[in-house]
Amino acid sequence: MNRGLKIAVTAVGTLLGLWFLLAGSMKFLSSAAFEVMFADFGLPLWGVPVIGILELLGAVLVIIPRTAMYGAGVIFVVMVGAASCHLLTGQGSPAGALVALLMAAFVAGLRFRAARS
């Protein structure tokens, strides 16, 4: 991977990690708001802390270059679910989930490619 691409994937991975440290933490700090959102989506309330843990796990893994591909994979899967919930129920905008999904795909793809080289 050339130097510019390495800088880009590190920057995007770090931004994604920081974003999901915040997003995962919010599932615990303002869980009542997320419980309402999950109820609107028709999801069980126990899903709030589970998604929070997955987001925190993905955030930590995506920041570490050696594990970034796995963290991006966790975030990608969670964001597929989030975007699906928004699109299928018409509740809220899926834009944030889709941006995170694209960022995760970028990091995972480039980290995978670098690992295969």
C-alpha atoms as a PDB file:
ATOM      1  CA  MET A   1       0.000   0.000   0.000  1.00  0.00           C
ATOM      2  CA  ASN A   2       1.464   3.366  -0.948  1.00  0.00           C
ATOM      3  CA  ARG A   3       2.087   6.054   1.667  1.00  0.00           C
ATOM      4  CA  GLY A   4      -0.919   8.229   0.757  1.00  0.00           C
ATOM      5  CA  LEU A   5      -3.323   5.304   0.885  1.00  0.00           C
ATOM      6  CA  LYS A   6      -1.844   4.170   4.202  1.00  0.00           C
ATOM      7  CA  ILE A   7      -2.404   7.656   5.656  1.00  0.00           C
ATOM      8  CA  ALA A   8      -5.964   7.728   4.287  1.00  0.00           C
ATOM      9  CA  VAL A   9      -6.920   4.332   5.703  1.00  0.00           C
ATOM     10  CA  THR A  10      -5.388   5.212   9.072  1.00  0.00           C
ATOM     11  CA  ALA A  11      -7.231   8.546   9.173  1.00  0.00           C
ATOM     12  CA  VAL A  12     -10.576   7.032   8.159  1.00  0.00           C
ATOM     13  CA  GLY A  13     -10.109   4.153  10.606  1.00  0.00           C
ATOM     14  CA  THR A  14      -9.296   6.549  13.446  1.00  0.00           C
ATOM     15  CA  LEU A  15     -12.309   8.754  12.668  1.00  0.00           C
ATOM     16  CA  LEU A  16     -14.547   5.695  12.461  1.00  0.00           C
ATOM     17  CA  GLY A  17     -13.167   4.406  15.757  1.00  0.00           C
ATOM     18  CA  LEU A  18     -13.729   7.704  17.547  1.00  0.00           C
ATOM     19  CA  TRP A  19     -17.232   7.971  16.082  1.00  0.00           C
ATOM     20  CA  PHE A  20     -18.125   4.499  17.370  1.00  0.00           C
ATOM     21  CA  LEU A  21     -16.541   5.041  20.768  1.00  0.00           C
ATOM     22  CA  LEU A  22     -19.051   7.873  21.103  1.00  0.00           C
ATOM     23  CA  ALA A  23     -21.933   5.936  19.520  1.00  0.00           C
ATOM     24  CA  GLY A  24     -21.357   2.860  21.680  1.00  0.00           C
ATOM     25  CA  SER A  25     -20.991   4.940  24.846  1.00  0.00           C
ATOM     26  CA  MET A  26     -24.248   6.725  24.104  1.00  0.00           C
ATOM     27  CA  LYS A  27     -26.103   3.399  24.217  1.00  0.00           C
ATOM     28  CA  PHE A  28     -25.215   3.295  27.931  1.00  0.00           C
ATOM     29  CA  LEU A  29     -25.320   7.015  28.796  1.00  0.00           C
ATOM     30  CA  SER A  30     -28.706   7.802  27.269  1.00  0.00           C
ATOM     31  CA  SER A  31     -30.200   4.357  26.997  1.00  0.00           C
ATOM     32  CA  ALA A  32     -33.789   5.616  27.424  1.00  0.00           C
ATOM     33  CA  ALA A  33     -33.625   7.444  24.080  1.00  0.00           C
ATOM     34  CA  PHE A  34     -32.239   4.361  22.367  1.00  0.00           C
ATOM     35  CA  GLU A  35     -34.852   2.140  24.019  1.00  0.00           C
ATOM     36  CA  VAL A  36     -37.535   4.318  22.408  1.00  0.00           C
ATOM     37  CA  MET A  37     -35.765   4.087  19.037  1.00  0.00           C
ATOM     38  CA  PHE A  38     -35.392   0.303  19.313  1.00  0.00           C
ATOM     39  CA  ALA A  39     -39.071  -0.003  20.290  1.00  0.00           C
ATOM     40  CA  ASP A  40     -40.023   2.085  17.225  1.00  0.00           C
ATOM     41  CA  PHE A  41     -37.971  -0.309  15.092  1.00  0.00           C
ATOM     42  CA  GLY A  42     -39.711  -3.288  16.713  1.00  0.00           C
ATOM     43  CA  LEU A  43     -36.468  -4.527  18.273  1.00  0.00           C
ATOM     44  CA  PRO A  44     -36.080  -5.973  21.767  1.00  0.00           C
ATOM     45  CA  LEU A  45     -34.802  -3.589  24.445  1.00  0.00           C
ATOM     46  CA  TRP A  46     -31.961  -5.927  25.387  1.00  0.00           C
ATOM     47  CA  GLY A  47     -30.533  -5.055  21.966  1.00  0.00           C
ATOM     48  CA  VAL A  48     -29.491  -1.574  23.133  1.00  0.00           C
ATOM     49  CA  PRO A  49     -26.577  -2.719  25.339  1.00  0.00           C
ATOM     50  CA  VAL A  50     -25.691  -5.521  22.911  1.00  0.00           C
ATOM     51  CA  ILE A  51     -25.347  -3.043  20.028  1.00  0.00           C
ATOM     52  CA  GLY A  52     -23.473  -0.676  22.357  1.00  0.00           C
ATOM     53  CA  ILE A  53     -20.948  -3.397  23.187  1.00  0.00           C
ATOM     54  CA  LEU A  54     -20.538  -4.310  19.515  1.00  0.00           C
ATOM     55  CA  GLU A  55     -19.996  -0.652  18.605  1.00  0.00           C
ATOM     56  CA  LEU A  56     -17.390  -0.243  21.357  1.00  0.00           C
ATOM     57  CA  LEU A  57     -15.650  -3.452  20.324  1.00  0.00           C
ATOM     58  CA  GLY A  58     -15.603  -2.375  16.679  1.00  0.00           C
ATOM     59  CA  ALA A  59     -14.297   1.067  17.674  1.00  0.00           C
ATOM     60  CA  VAL A  60     -11.365  -0.318  19.634  1.00  0.00           C
ATOM     61  CA  LEU A  61     -10.479  -2.874  16.963  1.00  0.00           C
ATOM     62  CA  VAL A  62     -10.693  -0.430  14.041  1.00  0.00           C
ATOM     63  CA  ILE A  63      -8.279   2.027  15.686  1.00  0.00           C
ATOM     64  CA  ILE A  64      -5.526  -0.616  16.003  1.00  0.00           C
ATOM     65  CA  PRO A  65      -3.978  -1.148  12.548  1.00  0.00           C
ATOM     66  CA  ARG A  66      -3.402  -4.885  13.065  1.00  0.00           C
ATOM     67  CA  THR A  67      -7.063  -5.498  13.986  1.00  0.00           C
ATOM     68  CA  ALA A  68      -8.669  -2.687  11.946  1.00  0.00           C
ATOM     69  CA  MET A  69     -10.053  -5.076   9.347  1.00  0.00           C
ATOM     70  CA  TYR A  70     -11.989  -6.990  12.032  1.00  0.00           C
ATOM     71  CA  GLY A  71     -13.256  -3.840  13.735  1.00  0.00           C
ATOM     72  CA  ALA A  72     -14.415  -2.473  10.398  1.00  0.00           C
ATOM     73  CA  GLY A  73     -16.196  -5.769   9.788  1.00  0.00           C
ATOM     74  CA  VAL A  74     -18.060  -5.530  13.108  1.00  0.00           C
ATOM     75  CA  ILE A  75     -19.058  -1.920  12.394  1.00  0.00           C
ATOM     76  CA  PHE A  76     -20.086  -2.837   8.840  1.00  0.00           C
ATOM     77  CA  VAL A  77     -22.451  -5.572  10.051  1.00  0.00           C
ATOM     78  CA  VAL A  78     -23.975  -3.327  12.749  1.00  0.00           C
ATOM     79  CA  MET A  79     -24.500  -0.538  10.210  1.00  0.00           C
ATOM     80  CA  VAL A  80     -26.169  -2.866   7.710  1.00  0.00           C
ATOM     81  CA  GLY A  81     -28.661  -3.584  10.481  1.00  0.00           C
ATOM     82  CA  ALA A  82     -29.046   0.090  11.374  1.00  0.00           C
ATOM     83  CA  ALA A  83     -29.554   1.194   7.765  1.00  0.00           C
ATOM     84  CA  SER A  84     -32.052  -1.628   7.245  1.00  0.00           C
ATOM     85  CA  CYS A  85     -34.056  -0.579  10.312  1.00  0.00           C
ATOM     86  CA  HIS A  86     -34.215   3.026   9.126  1.00  0.00           C
ATOM     87  CA  LEU A  87     -35.160   2.086   5.570  1.00  0.00           C
ATOM     88  CA  LEU A  88     -37.712  -0.593   6.443  1.00  0.00           C
ATOM     89  CA  THR A  89     -39.540   1.407   9.112  1.00  0.00           C
ATOM     90  CA  GLY A  90     -39.187   4.889   7.645  1.00  0.00           C
ATOM     91  CA  GLN A  91     -38.039   6.078  11.099  1.00  0.00           C
ATOM     92  CA  GLY A  92     -35.190   8.592  10.938  1.00  0.00           C
ATOM     93  CA  SER A  93     -32.557   8.923   8.259  1.00  0.00           C
ATOM     94  CA  PRO A  94     -30.250   6.095   7.213  1.00  0.00           C
ATOM     95  CA  ALA A  95     -27.596   8.611   6.050  1.00  0.00           C
ATOM     96  CA  GLY A  96     -25.304   8.249   9.080  1.00  0.00           C
ATOM     97  CA  ALA A  97     -25.455   4.464   8.961  1.00  0.00           C
ATOM     98  CA  LEU A  98     -24.704   4.474   5.230  1.00  0.00           C
ATOM     99  CA  VAL A  99     -21.713   6.806   5.660  1.00  0.00           C
ATOM    100  CA  ALA A 100     -20.341   4.611   8.455  1.00  0.00           C
ATOM    101  CA  LEU A 101     -20.957   1.533   6.315  1.00  0.00           C
ATOM    102  CA  LEU A 102     -18.948   3.027   3.435  1.00  0.00           C
ATOM    103  CA  MET A 103     -16.142   4.092   5.777  1.00  0.00           C
ATOM    104  CA  ALA A 104     -16.004   0.598   7.287  1.00  0.00           C
ATOM    105  CA  ALA A 105     -15.946  -0.999   3.828  1.00  0.00           C
ATOM    106  CA  PHE A 106     -13.064   1.303   2.819  1.00  0.00           C
ATOM    107  CA  VAL A 107     -11.007   0.422   5.900  1.00  0.00           C
ATOM    108  CA  ALA A 108     -11.768  -3.301   5.749  1.00  0.00           C
ATOM    109  CA  GLY A 109     -11.039  -3.530   2.025  1.00  0.00           C
ATOM    110  CA  LEU A 110      -7.722  -1.738   2.185  1.00  0.00           C
ATOM    111  CA  ARG A 111      -6.581  -3.509   5.346  1.00  0.00           C
ATOM    112  CA  PHE A 112      -7.521  -6.856   3.777  1.00  0.00           C
ATOM    113  CA  ARG A 113      -5.629  -5.971   0.616  1.00  0.00           C
ATOM    114  CA  ALA A 114      -2.573  -4.920   2.643  1.00  0.00           C
ATOM    115  CA  ALA A 115      -2.685  -8.158   4.658  1.00  0.00           C
ATOM    116  CA  ARG A 116      -2.785 -10.246   1.460  1.00  0.00           C
ATOM    117  CA  SER A 117       0.292  -8.502   0.002  1.00  0.00           C
END
